[in-house]
Amino acid sequence: AEMLSVATRLGIDFRGTPIMGAKSTAKIECDFAG
């Protein structure tokens, strides 16, 4: 048996200016699983 908190997650969704006529977005997502 075990108890863990390492699945805790943090992310950032970005939106930016159009690029070559396309909507631009980006994502960075991480956890603490190491």
ModelCIF file with pLDDT and N, C-alpha, C, O atoms, coordinates in Angstrom:
data_MODEL
#
_entry.id   MODEL 
#
_entity.id                         1 
_entity.type                       polymer 
_entity.pdbx_number_of_molecules   1 
#
_entity_poly.entity_id                      1 
_entity_poly.type                           'polypeptide(L)' 
_entity_poly.nstd_linkage                   no 
_entity_poly.nstd_monomer                   no 
_entity_poly.pdbx_seq_one_letter_code       AEMLSVATRLGIDFRGTPIMGAKSTAKIECDFAG 
_entity_poly.pdbx_seq_one_letter_code_can   AEMLSVATRLGIDFRGTPIMGAKSTAKIECDFAG 
_entity_poly.pdbx_strand_id                 A 
#
loop_
_entity_poly_seq.entity_id 
_entity_poly_seq.num 
_entity_poly_seq.mon_id 
_entity_poly_seq.hetero 
1 1  ALA n 
1 2  GLU n 
1 3  MET n 
1 4  LEU n 
1 5  SER n 
1 6  VAL n 
1 7  ALA n 
1 8  THR n 
1 9  ARG n 
1 10 LEU n 
1 11 GLY n 
1 12 ILE n 
1 13 ASP n 
1 14 PHE n 
1 15 ARG n 
1 16 GLY n 
1 17 THR n 
1 18 PRO n 
1 19 ILE n 
1 20 MET n 
1 21 GLY n 
1 22 ALA n 
1 23 LYS n 
1 24 SER n 
1 25 THR n 
1 26 ALA n 
1 27 LYS n 
1 28 ILE n 
1 29 GLU n 
1 30 CYS n 
1 31 ASP n 
1 32 PHE n 
1 33 ALA n 
1 34 GLY n 
#
_struct_asym.id          A 
_struct_asym.entity_id   1 
#
loop_
_ma_qa_metric.id 
_ma_qa_metric.mode 
_ma_qa_metric.name 
_ma_qa_metric.software_group_id 
_ma_qa_metric.type 
1 global pLDDT . pLDDT 
2 local  pLDDT . pLDDT 
#
_ma_qa_metric_global.metric_id      1 
_ma_qa_metric_global.metric_value   93.71 
_ma_qa_metric_global.model_id       1 
_ma_qa_metric_global.ordinal_id     1 
#
loop_
_ma_qa_metric_local.label_asym_id 
_ma_qa_metric_local.label_comp_id 
_ma_qa_metric_local.label_seq_id 
_ma_qa_metric_local.metric_id 
_ma_qa_metric_local.metric_value 
_ma_qa_metric_local.model_id 
_ma_qa_metric_local.ordinal_id 
A ALA 1  2 97.00 1 1  
A GLU 2  2 95.00 1 2  
A MET 3  2 96.00 1 3  
A LEU 4  2 92.00 1 4  
A SER 5  2 93.00 1 5  
A VAL 6  2 90.00 1 6  
A ALA 7  2 93.00 1 7  
A THR 8  2 95.00 1 8  
A ARG 9  2 96.00 1 9  
A LEU 10 2 96.00 1 10 
A GLY 11 2 97.00 1 11 
A ILE 12 2 97.00 1 12 
A ASP 13 2 97.00 1 13 
A PHE 14 2 96.00 1 14 
A ARG 15 2 94.00 1 15 
A GLY 16 2 92.00 1 16 
A THR 17 2 91.00 1 17 
A PRO 18 2 92.00 1 18 
A ILE 19 2 93.00 1 19 
A MET 20 2 93.00 1 20 
A GLY 21 2 93.00 1 21 
A ALA 22 2 96.00 1 22 
A LYS 23 2 96.00 1 23 
A SER 24 2 97.00 1 24 
A THR 25 2 97.00 1 25 
A ALA 26 2 97.00 1 26 
A LYS 27 2 98.00 1 27 
A ILE 28 2 97.00 1 28 
A GLU 29 2 97.00 1 29 
A CYS 30 2 95.00 1 30 
A ASP 31 2 92.00 1 31 
A PHE 32 2 88.00 1 32 
A ALA 33 2 82.00 1 33 
A GLY 34 2 76.00 1 34 
#
loop_
_atom_site.group_PDB 
_atom_site.id 
_atom_site.type_symbol 
_atom_site.label_atom_id 
_atom_site.label_alt_id 
_atom_site.label_comp_id 
_atom_site.label_asym_id 
_atom_site.label_entity_id 
_atom_site.label_seq_id 
_atom_site.pdbx_PDB_ins_code 
_atom_site.Cartn_x 
_atom_site.Cartn_y 
_atom_site.Cartn_z 
_atom_site.occupancy 
_atom_site.B_iso_or_equiv 
_atom_site.pdbx_formal_charge 
_atom_site.auth_seq_id 
_atom_site.auth_comp_id 
_atom_site.auth_asym_id 
_atom_site.auth_atom_id 
_atom_site.pdbx_PDB_model_num 
ATOM 1   N N  . ALA A 1 1  ? 0.852  -1.192 0.000   1.00 97.00 ? 1  ALA A N  1 
ATOM 2   C CA . ALA A 1 1  ? 0.000  0.000  0.000   1.00 97.00 ? 1  ALA A CA 1 
ATOM 3   C C  . ALA A 1 1  ? 0.880  1.231  0.000   1.00 97.00 ? 1  ALA A C  1 
ATOM 4   O O  . ALA A 1 1  ? 2.014  1.191  0.476   1.00 97.00 ? 1  ALA A O  1 
ATOM 5   N N  . GLU A 1 2  ? 0.355  2.337  -0.539  1.00 95.00 ? 2  GLU A N  1 
ATOM 6   C CA . GLU A 1 2  ? 1.137  3.568  -0.653  1.00 95.00 ? 2  GLU A CA 1 
ATOM 7   C C  . GLU A 1 2  ? 0.217  4.755  -0.863  1.00 95.00 ? 2  GLU A C  1 
ATOM 8   O O  . GLU A 1 2  ? -0.907 4.602  -1.341  1.00 95.00 ? 2  GLU A O  1 
ATOM 9   N N  . MET A 1 3  ? 0.692  5.934  -0.506  1.00 96.00 ? 3  MET A N  1 
ATOM 10  C CA . MET A 1 3  ? 0.008  7.191  -0.799  1.00 96.00 ? 3  MET A CA 1 
ATOM 11  C C  . MET A 1 3  ? 1.013  8.125  -1.442  1.00 96.00 ? 3  MET A C  1 
ATOM 12  O O  . MET A 1 3  ? 2.129  8.279  -0.946  1.00 96.00 ? 3  MET A O  1 
ATOM 13  N N  . LEU A 1 4  ? 0.617  8.761  -2.561  1.00 92.00 ? 4  LEU A N  1 
ATOM 14  C CA . LEU A 1 4  ? 1.513  9.615  -3.324  1.00 92.00 ? 4  LEU A CA 1 
ATOM 15  C C  . LEU A 1 4  ? 0.782  10.852 -3.838  1.00 92.00 ? 4  LEU A C  1 
ATOM 16  O O  . LEU A 1 4  ? -0.432 10.839 -4.041  1.00 92.00 ? 4  LEU A O  1 
ATOM 17  N N  . SER A 1 5  ? 1.556  11.928 -4.044  1.00 93.00 ? 5  SER A N  1 
ATOM 18  C CA . SER A 1 5  ? 1.012  13.181 -4.576  1.00 93.00 ? 5  SER A CA 1 
ATOM 19  C C  . SER A 1 5  ? 1.683  13.597 -5.881  1.00 93.00 ? 5  SER A C  1 
ATOM 20  O O  . SER A 1 5  ? 1.476  14.715 -6.354  1.00 93.00 ? 5  SER A O  1 
ATOM 21  N N  . VAL A 1 6  ? 2.494  12.701 -6.471  1.00 90.00 ? 6  VAL A N  1 
ATOM 22  C CA . VAL A 1 6  ? 3.321  13.087 -7.614  1.00 90.00 ? 6  VAL A CA 1 
ATOM 23  C C  . VAL A 1 6  ? 2.531  13.278 -8.904  1.00 90.00 ? 6  VAL A C  1 
ATOM 24  O O  . VAL A 1 6  ? 3.067  13.814 -9.874  1.00 90.00 ? 6  VAL A O  1 
ATOM 25  N N  . ALA A 1 7  ? 1.257  12.847 -8.939  1.00 93.00 ? 7  ALA A N  1 
ATOM 26  C CA . ALA A 1 7  ? 0.442  13.067 -10.138 1.00 93.00 ? 7  ALA A CA 1 
ATOM 27  C C  . ALA A 1 7  ? -0.084 14.490 -10.225 1.00 93.00 ? 7  ALA A C  1 
ATOM 28  O O  . ALA A 1 7  ? -0.739 14.842 -11.206 1.00 93.00 ? 7  ALA A O  1 
ATOM 29  N N  . THR A 1 8  ? 0.188  15.317 -9.221  1.00 95.00 ? 8  THR A N  1 
ATOM 30  C CA . THR A 1 8  ? -0.167 16.734 -9.263  1.00 95.00 ? 8  THR A CA 1 
ATOM 31  C C  . THR A 1 8  ? 0.357  17.351 -10.556 1.00 95.00 ? 8  THR A C  1 
ATOM 32  O O  . THR A 1 8  ? 1.498  17.099 -10.944 1.00 95.00 ? 8  THR A O  1 
ATOM 33  N N  . ARG A 1 9  ? -0.460 18.150 -11.219 1.00 96.00 ? 9  ARG A N  1 
ATOM 34  C CA . ARG A 1 9  ? -0.153 18.607 -12.585 1.00 96.00 ? 9  ARG A CA 1 
ATOM 35  C C  . ARG A 1 9  ? -0.291 20.113 -12.713 1.00 96.00 ? 9  ARG A C  1 
ATOM 36  O O  . ARG A 1 9  ? -1.130 20.728 -12.054 1.00 96.00 ? 9  ARG A O  1 
ATOM 37  N N  . LEU A 1 10 ? 0.541  20.705 -13.568 1.00 96.00 ? 10 LEU A N  1 
ATOM 38  C CA . LEU A 1 10 ? 0.507  22.138 -13.849 1.00 96.00 ? 10 LEU A CA 1 
ATOM 39  C C  . LEU A 1 10 ? 0.708  22.355 -15.344 1.00 96.00 ? 10 LEU A C  1 
ATOM 40  O O  . LEU A 1 10 ? 1.622  21.784 -15.939 1.00 96.00 ? 10 LEU A O  1 
ATOM 41  N N  . GLY A 1 11 ? -0.138 23.171 -15.947 1.00 97.00 ? 11 GLY A N  1 
ATOM 42  C CA . GLY A 1 11 ? -0.025 23.439 -17.373 1.00 97.00 ? 11 GLY A CA 1 
ATOM 43  C C  . GLY A 1 11 ? -0.366 24.881 -17.708 1.00 97.00 ? 11 GLY A C  1 
ATOM 44  O O  . GLY A 1 11 ? -1.044 25.568 -16.945 1.00 97.00 ? 11 GLY A O  1 
ATOM 45  N N  . ILE A 1 12 ? 0.115  25.328 -18.859 1.00 97.00 ? 12 ILE A N  1 
ATOM 46  C CA . ILE A 1 12 ? -0.186 26.662 -19.370 1.00 97.00 ? 12 ILE A CA 1 
ATOM 47  C C  . ILE A 1 12 ? -0.553 26.539 -20.851 1.00 97.00 ? 12 ILE A C  1 
ATOM 48  O O  . ILE A 1 12 ? 0.215  25.995 -21.644 1.00 97.00 ? 12 ILE A O  1 
ATOM 49  N N  . ASP A 1 13 ? -1.731 27.046 -21.214 1.00 97.00 ? 13 ASP A N  1 
ATOM 50  C CA . ASP A 1 13 ? -2.134 27.162 -22.615 1.00 97.00 ? 13 ASP A CA 1 
ATOM 51  C C  . ASP A 1 13 ? -1.891 28.589 -23.084 1.00 97.00 ? 13 ASP A C  1 
ATOM 52  O O  . ASP A 1 13 ? -2.318 29.547 -22.439 1.00 97.00 ? 13 ASP A O  1 
ATOM 53  N N  . PHE A 1 14 ? -1.201 28.722 -24.216 1.00 96.00 ? 14 PHE A N  1 
ATOM 54  C CA . PHE A 1 14 ? -0.895 30.026 -24.779 1.00 96.00 ? 14 PHE A CA 1 
ATOM 55  C C  . PHE A 1 14 ? -1.682 30.241 -26.066 1.00 96.00 ? 14 PHE A C  1 
ATOM 56  O O  . PHE A 1 14 ? -1.944 29.291 -26.804 1.00 96.00 ? 14 PHE A O  1 
ATOM 57  N N  . ARG A 1 15 ? -2.057 31.477 -26.333 1.00 94.00 ? 15 ARG A N  1 
ATOM 58  C CA . ARG A 1 15 ? -2.608 31.854 -27.635 1.00 94.00 ? 15 ARG A CA 1 
ATOM 59  C C  . ARG A 1 15 ? -1.809 33.052 -28.140 1.00 94.00 ? 15 ARG A C  1 
ATOM 60  O O  . ARG A 1 15 ? -1.408 33.922 -27.367 1.00 94.00 ? 15 ARG A O  1 
ATOM 61  N N  . GLY A 1 16 ? -1.586 33.077 -29.453 1.00 92.00 ? 16 GLY A N  1 
ATOM 62  C CA . GLY A 1 16 ? -0.744 34.125 -30.016 1.00 92.00 ? 16 GLY A CA 1 
ATOM 63  C C  . GLY A 1 16 ? -1.341 34.757 -31.254 1.00 92.00 ? 16 GLY A C  1 
ATOM 64  O O  . GLY A 1 16 ? -2.491 34.500 -31.612 1.00 92.00 ? 16 GLY A O  1 
ATOM 65  N N  . THR A 1 17 ? -0.547 35.581 -31.898 1.00 91.00 ? 17 THR A N  1 
ATOM 66  C CA . THR A 1 17 ? -0.977 36.256 -33.114 1.00 91.00 ? 17 THR A CA 1 
ATOM 67  C C  . THR A 1 17 ? -1.033 35.257 -34.264 1.00 91.00 ? 17 THR A C  1 
ATOM 68  O O  . THR A 1 17 ? -0.335 34.244 -34.216 1.00 91.00 ? 17 THR A O  1 
ATOM 69  N N  . PRO A 1 18 ? -1.843 35.508 -35.304 1.00 92.00 ? 18 PRO A N  1 
ATOM 70  C CA . PRO A 1 18 ? -1.904 34.599 -36.454 1.00 92.00 ? 18 PRO A CA 1 
ATOM 71  C C  . PRO A 1 18 ? -0.537 34.442 -37.123 1.00 92.00 ? 18 PRO A C  1 
ATOM 72  O O  . PRO A 1 18 ? 0.243  35.390 -37.212 1.00 92.00 ? 18 PRO A O  1 
ATOM 73  N N  . ILE A 1 19 ? -0.272 33.227 -37.588 1.00 93.00 ? 19 ILE A N  1 
ATOM 74  C CA . ILE A 1 19 ? 0.961  32.920 -38.304 1.00 93.00 ? 19 ILE A CA 1 
ATOM 75  C C  . ILE A 1 19 ? 0.582  32.301 -39.636 1.00 93.00 ? 19 ILE A C  1 
ATOM 76  O O  . ILE A 1 19 ? -0.054 31.249 -39.674 1.00 93.00 ? 19 ILE A O  1 
ATOM 77  N N  . MET A 1 20 ? 0.965  32.940 -40.720 1.00 93.00 ? 20 MET A N  1 
ATOM 78  C CA . MET A 1 20 ? 0.657  32.456 -42.073 1.00 93.00 ? 20 MET A CA 1 
ATOM 79  C C  . MET A 1 20 ? -0.838 32.196 -42.239 1.00 93.00 ? 20 MET A C  1 
ATOM 80  O O  . MET A 1 20 ? -1.249 31.230 -42.882 1.00 93.00 ? 20 MET A O  1 
ATOM 81  N N  . GLY A 1 21 ? -1.633 33.071 -41.652 1.00 93.00 ? 21 GLY A N  1 
ATOM 82  C CA . GLY A 1 21 ? -3.080 32.955 -41.769 1.00 93.00 ? 21 GLY A CA 1 
ATOM 83  C C  . GLY A 1 21 ? -3.712 31.934 -40.849 1.00 93.00 ? 21 GLY A C  1 
ATOM 84  O O  . GLY A 1 21 ? -4.906 31.658 -40.963 1.00 93.00 ? 21 GLY A O  1 
ATOM 85  N N  . ALA A 1 22 ? -2.936 31.367 -39.936 1.00 96.00 ? 22 ALA A N  1 
ATOM 86  C CA . ALA A 1 22 ? -3.440 30.336 -39.033 1.00 96.00 ? 22 ALA A CA 1 
ATOM 87  C C  . ALA A 1 22 ? -3.495 30.858 -37.602 1.00 96.00 ? 22 ALA A C  1 
ATOM 88  O O  . ALA A 1 22 ? -2.640 31.643 -37.191 1.00 96.00 ? 22 ALA A O  1 
ATOM 89  N N  . LYS A 1 23 ? -4.488 30.428 -36.852 1.00 96.00 ? 23 LYS A N  1 
ATOM 90  C CA . LYS A 1 23 ? -4.549 30.686 -35.417 1.00 96.00 ? 23 LYS A CA 1 
ATOM 91  C C  . LYS A 1 23 ? -3.416 29.916 -34.745 1.00 96.00 ? 23 LYS A C  1 
ATOM 92  O O  . LYS A 1 23 ? -3.232 28.728 -35.010 1.00 96.00 ? 23 LYS A O  1 
ATOM 93  N N  . SER A 1 24 ? -2.656 30.583 -33.880 1.00 97.00 ? 24 SER A N  1 
ATOM 94  C CA . SER A 1 24 ? -1.512 29.940 -33.246 1.00 97.00 ? 24 SER A CA 1 
ATOM 95  C C  . SER A 1 24 ? -1.761 29.753 -31.756 1.00 97.00 ? 24 SER A C  1 
ATOM 96  O O  . SER A 1 24 ? -2.214 30.667 -31.068 1.00 97.00 ? 24 SER A O  1 
ATOM 97  N N  . THR A 1 25 ? -1.459 28.553 -31.270 1.00 97.00 ? 25 THR A N  1 
ATOM 98  C CA . THR A 1 25 ? -1.560 28.224 -29.845 1.00 97.00 ? 25 THR A CA 1 
ATOM 99  C C  . THR A 1 25 ? -0.364 27.361 -29.458 1.00 97.00 ? 25 THR A C  1 
ATOM 100 O O  . THR A 1 25 ? 0.345  26.832 -30.314 1.00 97.00 ? 25 THR A O  1 
ATOM 101 N N  . ALA A 1 26 ? -0.157 27.230 -28.149 1.00 97.00 ? 26 ALA A N  1 
ATOM 102 C CA . ALA A 1 26 ? 0.924  26.385 -27.643 1.00 97.00 ? 26 ALA A CA 1 
ATOM 103 C C  . ALA A 1 26 ? 0.543  25.881 -26.260 1.00 97.00 ? 26 ALA A C  1 
ATOM 104 O O  . ALA A 1 26 ? -0.342 26.432 -25.605 1.00 97.00 ? 26 ALA A O  1 
ATOM 105 N N  . LYS A 1 27 ? 1.214  24.838 -25.831 1.00 98.00 ? 27 LYS A N  1 
ATOM 106 C CA . LYS A 1 27 ? 0.947  24.237 -24.521 1.00 98.00 ? 27 LYS A CA 1 
ATOM 107 C C  . LYS A 1 27 ? 2.248  23.780 -23.881 1.00 98.00 ? 27 LYS A C  1 
ATOM 108 O O  . LYS A 1 27 ? 3.127  23.231 -24.545 1.00 98.00 ? 27 LYS A O  1 
ATOM 109 N N  . ILE A 1 28 ? 2.355  24.017 -22.582 1.00 97.00 ? 28 ILE A N  1 
ATOM 110 C CA . ILE A 1 28 ? 3.389  23.417 -21.747 1.00 97.00 ? 28 ILE A CA 1 
ATOM 111 C C  . ILE A 1 28 ? 2.681  22.774 -20.569 1.00 97.00 ? 28 ILE A C  1 
ATOM 112 O O  . ILE A 1 28 ? 1.901  23.431 -19.880 1.00 97.00 ? 28 ILE A O  1 
ATOM 113 N N  . GLU A 1 29 ? 2.950  21.481 -20.328 1.00 97.00 ? 29 GLU A N  1 
ATOM 114 C CA . GLU A 1 29 ? 2.290  20.759 -19.241 1.00 97.00 ? 29 GLU A CA 1 
ATOM 115 C C  . GLU A 1 29 ? 3.309  19.860 -18.551 1.00 97.00 ? 29 GLU A C  1 
ATOM 116 O O  . GLU A 1 29 ? 4.107  19.193 -19.209 1.00 97.00 ? 29 GLU A O  1 
ATOM 117 N N  . CYS A 1 30 ? 3.276  19.849 -17.223 1.00 95.00 ? 30 CYS A N  1 
ATOM 118 C CA . CYS A 1 30 ? 4.229  19.038 -16.479 1.00 95.00 ? 30 CYS A CA 1 
ATOM 119 C C  . CYS A 1 30 ? 3.568  18.450 -15.242 1.00 95.00 ? 30 CYS A C  1 
ATOM 120 O O  . CYS A 1 30 ? 2.492  18.880 -14.825 1.00 95.00 ? 30 CYS A O  1 
ATOM 121 N N  . ASP A 1 31 ? 4.235  17.457 -14.668 1.00 92.00 ? 31 ASP A N  1 
ATOM 122 C CA . ASP A 1 31 ? 3.845  16.937 -13.358 1.00 92.00 ? 31 ASP A CA 1 
ATOM 123 C C  . ASP A 1 31 ? 5.107  16.740 -12.539 1.00 92.00 ? 31 ASP A C  1 
ATOM 124 O O  . ASP A 1 31 ? 6.182  17.194 -12.931 1.00 92.00 ? 31 ASP A O  1 
ATOM 125 N N  . PHE A 1 32 ? 4.984  16.065 -11.406 1.00 88.00 ? 32 PHE A N  1 
ATOM 126 C CA . PHE A 1 32 ? 6.108  15.922 -10.495 1.00 88.00 ? 32 PHE A CA 1 
ATOM 127 C C  . PHE A 1 32 ? 6.530  14.463 -10.361 1.00 88.00 ? 32 PHE A C  1 
ATOM 128 O O  . PHE A 1 32 ? 7.048  14.044 -9.326  1.00 88.00 ? 32 PHE A O  1 
ATOM 129 N N  . ALA A 1 33 ? 6.300  13.700 -11.423 1.00 82.00 ? 33 ALA A N  1 
ATOM 130 C CA . ALA A 1 33 ? 6.615  12.280 -11.405 1.00 82.00 ? 33 ALA A CA 1 
ATOM 131 C C  . ALA A 1 33 ? 8.109  12.015 -11.569 1.00 82.00 ? 33 ALA A C  1 
ATOM 132 O O  . ALA A 1 33 ? 8.589  10.941 -11.207 1.00 82.00 ? 33 ALA A O  1 
ATOM 133 N N  . GLY A 1 34 ? 8.845  12.977 -12.108 1.00 76.00 ? 34 GLY A N  1 
ATOM 134 C CA . GLY A 1 34 ? 10.291 12.874 -12.178 1.00 76.00 ? 34 GLY A CA 1 
ATOM 135 C C  . GLY A 1 34 ? 10.785 11.670 -12.942 1.00 76.00 ? 34 GLY A C  1 
ATOM 136 O O  . GLY A 1 34 ? 11.994 11.474 -13.071 1.00 76.00 ? 34 GLY A O  1 
#
